[in-house]
Amino acid sequence: MPKGSQRGSSELALQLELAGTLTAVKGWASREASEAYAHARELCRDIPEGPELAAALNGLRSILLNRAEFAVARQVAEELLAVAERQDDPDPKLTAHYGYGVILLFQAEFTRALQHLRQAIAVHTPPINRSRISNAGRSWCRRSQLRGLGASDAWVPGSGACRDGYLITSLLFLQQMI
């Protein structure tokens, strides 16, 4: 591997690819995927903050949530929220607020969960109409979730990332109907 920051970036990219592959092969609650995301998170500490940190944190949050480790998942989601607020990209903000909202929902903090889910909706700027509902979920899944999951240009039906995308799309649809 090359030396210095290029090596760190390459190693980080490979680690995120590994984490995504392990998630797909071993499952959304696998120890191996959790370790890969945690390692990617550590590698991010050695490079300037970028979208890779958000991808690593979101992957780790998702694994922890699926393992019902809600307290740790919440800590990771809080870190993801802080990282997302420092970035000038709506995707990490949407992902962070949605992920935190889901964790709060599982912890029966319904009012705060709704606030964060509404913030996720507010970040999502493209207009949604009925004819684009299914495609909106796909594009959100591809753009936001799968970027750091080893399937950067693919859509994987039924995966947790796409399921998350469809839930956001459903919330957007409901917002328009109200």
C-alpha atoms as a PDB file:
ATOM      1  CA  MET A   1       0.000   0.000   0.000  1.00  0.00           C
ATOM      2  CA  PRO A   2       1.111   3.594  -0.537  1.00  0.00           C
ATOM      3  CA  LYS A   3       2.431   5.524   2.423  1.00  0.00           C
ATOM      4  CA  GLY A   4       0.753   8.314   4.383  1.00  0.00           C
ATOM      5  CA  SER A   5      -2.729   9.691   3.916  1.00  0.00           C
ATOM      6  CA  GLN A   6      -3.209   7.927   0.578  1.00  0.00           C
ATOM      7  CA  ARG A   7      -2.655   4.620   2.341  1.00  0.00           C
ATOM      8  CA  GLY A   8      -5.142   5.608   5.039  1.00  0.00           C
ATOM      9  CA  SER A   9      -7.736   6.570   2.436  1.00  0.00           C
ATOM     10  CA  SER A  10      -7.221   3.319   0.541  1.00  0.00           C
ATOM     11  CA  GLU A  11      -7.413   1.255   3.692  1.00  0.00           C
ATOM     12  CA  LEU A  12     -10.554   3.097   4.767  1.00  0.00           C
ATOM     13  CA  ALA A  13     -12.222   2.530   1.380  1.00  0.00           C
ATOM     14  CA  LEU A  14     -11.369  -1.169   1.554  1.00  0.00           C
ATOM     15  CA  GLN A  15     -12.641  -1.409   5.127  1.00  0.00           C
ATOM     16  CA  LEU A  16     -15.984   0.159   4.166  1.00  0.00           C
ATOM     17  CA  GLU A  17     -16.243  -2.236   1.212  1.00  0.00           C
ATOM     18  CA  LEU A  18     -15.485  -5.145   3.555  1.00  0.00           C
ATOM     19  CA  ALA A  19     -18.092  -3.945   6.052  1.00  0.00           C
ATOM     20  CA  GLY A  20     -20.728  -3.732   3.336  1.00  0.00           C
ATOM     21  CA  THR A  21     -19.846  -7.151   2.000  1.00  0.00           C
ATOM     22  CA  LEU A  22     -19.929  -8.692   5.470  1.00  0.00           C
ATOM     23  CA  THR A  23     -23.295  -7.071   6.096  1.00  0.00           C
ATOM     24  CA  ALA A  24     -24.665  -8.568   2.891  1.00  0.00           C
ATOM     25  CA  VAL A  25     -23.159 -12.008   3.463  1.00  0.00           C
ATOM     26  CA  LYS A  26     -23.313 -12.423   7.237  1.00  0.00           C
ATOM     27  CA  GLY A  27     -26.369 -10.290   8.008  1.00  0.00           C
ATOM     28  CA  TRP A  28     -27.403  -6.946   9.448  1.00  0.00           C
ATOM     29  CA  ALA A  29     -26.486  -7.983  12.985  1.00  0.00           C
ATOM     30  CA  SER A  30     -23.208  -9.775  12.372  1.00  0.00           C
ATOM     31  CA  ARG A  31     -20.280  -9.342  14.699  1.00  0.00           C
ATOM     32  CA  GLU A  32     -17.865  -9.294  11.764  1.00  0.00           C
ATOM     33  CA  ALA A  33     -19.662  -6.404  10.040  1.00  0.00           C
ATOM     34  CA  SER A  34     -19.816  -4.520  13.330  1.00  0.00           C
ATOM     35  CA  GLU A  35     -16.069  -4.941  13.788  1.00  0.00           C
ATOM     36  CA  ALA A  36     -15.406  -3.800  10.209  1.00  0.00           C
ATOM     37  CA  TYR A  37     -17.496  -0.646  10.670  1.00  0.00           C
ATOM     38  CA  ALA A  38     -15.847   0.039  14.021  1.00  0.00           C
ATOM     39  CA  HIS A  39     -12.419  -0.326  12.396  1.00  0.00           C
ATOM     40  CA  ALA A  40     -13.469   2.036   9.578  1.00  0.00           C
ATOM     41  CA  ARG A  41     -14.574   4.522  12.239  1.00  0.00           C
ATOM     42  CA  GLU A  42     -11.131   4.349  13.829  1.00  0.00           C
ATOM     43  CA  LEU A  43      -9.398   4.797  10.471  1.00  0.00           C
ATOM     44  CA  CYS A  44     -11.429   7.967   9.945  1.00  0.00           C
ATOM     45  CA  ARG A  45      -9.720   9.532  12.948  1.00  0.00           C
ATOM     46  CA  ASP A  46      -6.460   9.700  10.947  1.00  0.00           C
ATOM     47  CA  ILE A  47      -7.850  11.562   7.918  1.00  0.00           C
ATOM     48  CA  PRO A  48      -9.821  14.788   7.447  1.00  0.00           C
ATOM     49  CA  GLU A  49     -13.507  14.349   8.245  1.00  0.00           C
ATOM     50  CA  GLY A  50     -15.524  13.393   5.200  1.00  0.00           C
ATOM     51  CA  PRO A  51     -18.403  11.236   4.011  1.00  0.00           C
ATOM     52  CA  GLU A  52     -16.541   8.065   4.970  1.00  0.00           C
ATOM     53  CA  LEU A  53     -16.962   8.826   8.679  1.00  0.00           C
ATOM     54  CA  ALA A  54     -20.696   9.286   8.227  1.00  0.00           C
ATOM     55  CA  ALA A  55     -20.874   5.987   6.292  1.00  0.00           C
ATOM     56  CA  ALA A  56     -18.892   4.144   8.975  1.00  0.00           C
ATOM     57  CA  LEU A  57     -20.999   5.570  11.797  1.00  0.00           C
ATOM     58  CA  ASN A  58     -24.264   4.872  10.011  1.00  0.00           C
ATOM     59  CA  GLY A  59     -23.244   1.305   9.238  1.00  0.00           C
ATOM     60  CA  LEU A  60     -22.204   0.729  12.842  1.00  0.00           C
ATOM     61  CA  ARG A  61     -25.435   2.321  14.111  1.00  0.00           C
ATOM     62  CA  SER A  62     -27.503   0.071  11.882  1.00  0.00           C
ATOM     63  CA  ILE A  63     -25.686  -3.085  12.988  1.00  0.00           C
ATOM     64  CA  LEU A  64     -26.031  -2.152  16.663  1.00  0.00           C
ATOM     65  CA  LEU A  65     -29.720  -1.368  16.217  1.00  0.00           C
ATOM     66  CA  ASN A  66     -30.292  -4.738  14.560  1.00  0.00           C
ATOM     67  CA  ARG A  67     -28.488  -6.399  17.458  1.00  0.00           C
ATOM     68  CA  ALA A  68     -30.804  -4.553  19.889  1.00  0.00           C
ATOM     69  CA  GLU A  69     -27.833  -2.793  21.486  1.00  0.00           C
ATOM     70  CA  PHE A  70     -29.873   0.388  21.797  1.00  0.00           C
ATOM     71  CA  ALA A  71     -27.717   2.302  24.283  1.00  0.00           C
ATOM     72  CA  VAL A  72     -24.548   1.915  22.199  1.00  0.00           C
ATOM     73  CA  ALA A  73     -26.465   2.492  18.955  1.00  0.00           C
ATOM     74  CA  ARG A  74     -27.777   5.726  20.440  1.00  0.00           C
ATOM     75  CA  GLN A  75     -24.260   6.923  21.291  1.00  0.00           C
ATOM     76  CA  VAL A  76     -23.105   6.193  17.749  1.00  0.00           C
ATOM     77  CA  ALA A  77     -26.201   7.926  16.336  1.00  0.00           C
ATOM     78  CA  GLU A  78     -25.456  10.995  18.470  1.00  0.00           C
ATOM     79  CA  GLU A  79     -21.912  11.040  17.094  1.00  0.00           C
ATOM     80  CA  LEU A  80     -23.325  10.701  13.571  1.00  0.00           C
ATOM     81  CA  LEU A  81     -25.662  13.654  14.205  1.00  0.00           C
ATOM     82  CA  ALA A  82     -22.712  15.814  15.263  1.00  0.00           C
ATOM     83  CA  VAL A  83     -20.672  14.771  12.213  1.00  0.00           C
ATOM     84  CA  ALA A  84     -23.602  15.338   9.852  1.00  0.00           C
ATOM     85  CA  GLU A  85     -24.209  18.848  11.168  1.00  0.00           C
ATOM     86  CA  ARG A  86     -20.599  19.782  10.330  1.00  0.00           C
ATOM     87  CA  GLN A  87     -20.924  18.583   6.724  1.00  0.00           C
ATOM     88  CA  ASP A  88     -22.422  20.509   3.831  1.00  0.00           C
ATOM     89  CA  ASP A  89     -24.263  17.499   2.435  1.00  0.00           C
ATOM     90  CA  PRO A  90     -27.933  16.688   3.075  1.00  0.00           C
ATOM     91  CA  ASP A  91     -27.467  12.901   2.817  1.00  0.00           C
ATOM     92  CA  PRO A  92     -25.634  12.455   6.143  1.00  0.00           C
ATOM     93  CA  LYS A  93     -28.122  14.810   7.841  1.00  0.00           C
ATOM     94  CA  LEU A  94     -31.080  12.818   6.540  1.00  0.00           C
ATOM     95  CA  THR A  95     -29.432   9.532   7.524  1.00  0.00           C
ATOM     96  CA  ALA A  96     -28.439  10.819  10.970  1.00  0.00           C
ATOM     97  CA  HIS A  97     -31.841  12.225  11.895  1.00  0.00           C
ATOM     98  CA  TYR A  98     -33.645   9.188  10.549  1.00  0.00           C
ATOM     99  CA  GLY A  99     -31.312   6.753  12.340  1.00  0.00           C
ATOM    100  CA  TYR A 100     -31.557   8.642  15.612  1.00  0.00           C
ATOM    101  CA  GLY A 101     -35.337   8.857  15.262  1.00  0.00           C
ATOM    102  CA  VAL A 102     -35.608   5.094  14.813  1.00  0.00           C
ATOM    103  CA  ILE A 103     -33.471   4.452  17.890  1.00  0.00           C
ATOM    104  CA  LEU A 104     -35.627   6.838  19.928  1.00  0.00           C
ATOM    105  CA  LEU A 105     -38.696   5.027  18.631  1.00  0.00           C
ATOM    106  CA  PHE A 106     -37.298   1.710  19.887  1.00  0.00           C
ATOM    107  CA  GLN A 107     -36.619   3.351  23.245  1.00  0.00           C
ATOM    108  CA  ALA A 108     -40.231   4.608  23.453  1.00  0.00           C
ATOM    109  CA  GLU A 109     -39.226   8.279  23.231  1.00  0.00           C
ATOM    110  CA  PHE A 110     -41.976   8.941  20.719  1.00  0.00           C
ATOM    111  CA  THR A 111     -42.073  12.741  20.797  1.00  0.00           C
ATOM    112  CA  ARG A 112     -38.332  13.090  20.246  1.00  0.00           C
ATOM    113  CA  ALA A 113     -38.409  10.309  17.641  1.00  0.00           C
ATOM    114  CA  LEU A 114     -41.063  12.183  15.698  1.00  0.00           C
ATOM    115  CA  GLN A 115     -39.013  15.395  15.893  1.00  0.00           C
ATOM    116  CA  HIS A 116     -35.968  13.711  14.372  1.00  0.00           C
ATOM    117  CA  LEU A 117     -37.996  11.897  11.729  1.00  0.00           C
ATOM    118  CA  ARG A 118     -39.539  15.243  10.768  1.00  0.00           C
ATOM    119  CA  GLN A 119     -36.052  16.745  10.576  1.00  0.00           C
ATOM    120  CA  ALA A 120     -35.064  13.919   8.235  1.00  0.00           C
ATOM    121  CA  ILE A 121     -38.054  14.762   6.065  1.00  0.00           C
ATOM    122  CA  ALA A 122     -37.180  18.461   6.140  1.00  0.00           C
ATOM    123  CA  VAL A 123     -33.653  17.737   4.913  1.00  0.00           C
ATOM    124  CA  HIS A 124     -34.998  15.781   1.955  1.00  0.00           C
ATOM    125  CA  THR A 125     -35.516  18.622  -0.517  1.00  0.00           C
ATOM    126  CA  PRO A 126     -36.639  17.052  -3.806  1.00  0.00           C
ATOM    127  CA  PRO A 127     -40.430  17.103  -4.221  1.00  0.00           C
ATOM    128  CA  ILE A 128     -42.099  13.731  -4.089  1.00  0.00           C
ATOM    129  CA  ASN A 129     -45.261  12.843  -5.977  1.00  0.00           C
ATOM    130  CA  ARG A 130     -47.235   9.621  -6.177  1.00  0.00           C
ATOM    131  CA  SER A 131     -45.781   8.572  -9.501  1.00  0.00           C
ATOM    132  CA  ARG A 132     -42.231   8.722  -8.117  1.00  0.00           C
ATOM    133  CA  ILE A 133     -42.748   7.001  -4.753  1.00  0.00           C
ATOM    134  CA  SER A 134     -41.032   3.694  -5.580  1.00  0.00           C
ATOM    135  CA  ASN A 135     -38.197   5.314  -7.544  1.00  0.00           C
ATOM    136  CA  ALA A 136     -37.580   7.862  -4.762  1.00  0.00           C
ATOM    137  CA  GLY A 137     -36.900   5.067  -2.311  1.00  0.00           C
ATOM    138  CA  ARG A 138     -34.481   3.449  -4.718  1.00  0.00           C
ATOM    139  CA  SER A 139     -32.512   6.597  -5.457  1.00  0.00           C
ATOM    140  CA  TRP A 140     -32.263   7.538  -1.786  1.00  0.00           C
ATOM    141  CA  CYS A 141     -31.076   4.036  -0.986  1.00  0.00           C
ATOM    142  CA  ARG A 142     -28.465   4.099  -3.737  1.00  0.00           C
ATOM    143  CA  ARG A 143     -27.203   7.617  -3.001  1.00  0.00           C
ATOM    144  CA  SER A 144     -27.122   7.630   0.726  1.00  0.00           C
ATOM    145  CA  GLN A 145     -26.980   4.218   2.282  1.00  0.00           C
ATOM    146  CA  LEU A 146     -25.206   1.947  -0.152  1.00  0.00           C
ATOM    147  CA  ARG A 147     -22.398   4.404  -0.893  1.00  0.00           C
ATOM    148  CA  GLY A 148     -20.475   3.091   2.107  1.00  0.00           C
ATOM    149  CA  LEU A 149     -21.814  -0.435   2.015  1.00  0.00           C
ATOM    150  CA  GLY A 150     -19.796  -1.873  -0.826  1.00  0.00           C
ATOM    151  CA  ALA A 151     -22.527  -1.592  -3.434  1.00  0.00           C
ATOM    152  CA  SER A 152     -22.003   1.979  -4.544  1.00  0.00           C
ATOM    153  CA  ASP A 153     -23.995   1.740  -7.750  1.00  0.00           C
ATOM    154  CA  ALA A 154     -26.424  -1.050  -7.003  1.00  0.00           C
ATOM    155  CA  TRP A 155     -29.887  -1.376  -5.587  1.00  0.00           C
ATOM    156  CA  VAL A 156     -30.422  -4.341  -3.324  1.00  0.00           C
ATOM    157  CA  PRO A 157     -34.150  -4.985  -2.800  1.00  0.00           C
ATOM    158  CA  GLY A 158     -35.109  -5.960   0.709  1.00  0.00           C
ATOM    159  CA  SER A 159     -31.812  -4.911   2.294  1.00  0.00           C
ATOM    160  CA  GLY A 160     -31.911  -2.845   5.463  1.00  0.00           C
ATOM    161  CA  ALA A 161     -30.573   0.194   3.607  1.00  0.00           C
ATOM    162  CA  CYS A 162     -33.352   0.072   1.034  1.00  0.00           C
ATOM    163  CA  ARG A 163     -35.917  -0.673   3.704  1.00  0.00           C
ATOM    164  CA  ASP A 164     -34.761   2.512   5.441  1.00  0.00           C
ATOM    165  CA  GLY A 165     -35.112   4.370   2.144  1.00  0.00           C
ATOM    166  CA  TYR A 166     -38.641   3.148   1.679  1.00  0.00           C
ATOM    167  CA  LEU A 167     -39.558   4.174   5.217  1.00  0.00           C
ATOM    168  CA  ILE A 168     -38.302   7.701   4.549  1.00  0.00           C
ATOM    169  CA  THR A 169     -40.221   7.749   1.278  1.00  0.00           C
ATOM    170  CA  SER A 170     -43.349   6.635   3.128  1.00  0.00           C
ATOM    171  CA  LEU A 171     -42.911   9.395   5.673  1.00  0.00           C
ATOM    172  CA  LEU A 172     -42.519  11.928   2.853  1.00  0.00           C
ATOM    173  CA  PHE A 173     -45.664  10.628   1.201  1.00  0.00           C
ATOM    174  CA  LEU A 174     -47.601  10.886   4.473  1.00  0.00           C
ATOM    175  CA  GLN A 175     -46.347  14.426   4.977  1.00  0.00           C
ATOM    176  CA  GLN A 176     -47.778  15.413   1.590  1.00  0.00           C
ATOM    177  CA  MET A 177     -51.100  13.757   2.356  1.00  0.00           C
ATOM    178  CA  ILE A 178     -51.589  15.590   5.664  1.00  0.00           C
END
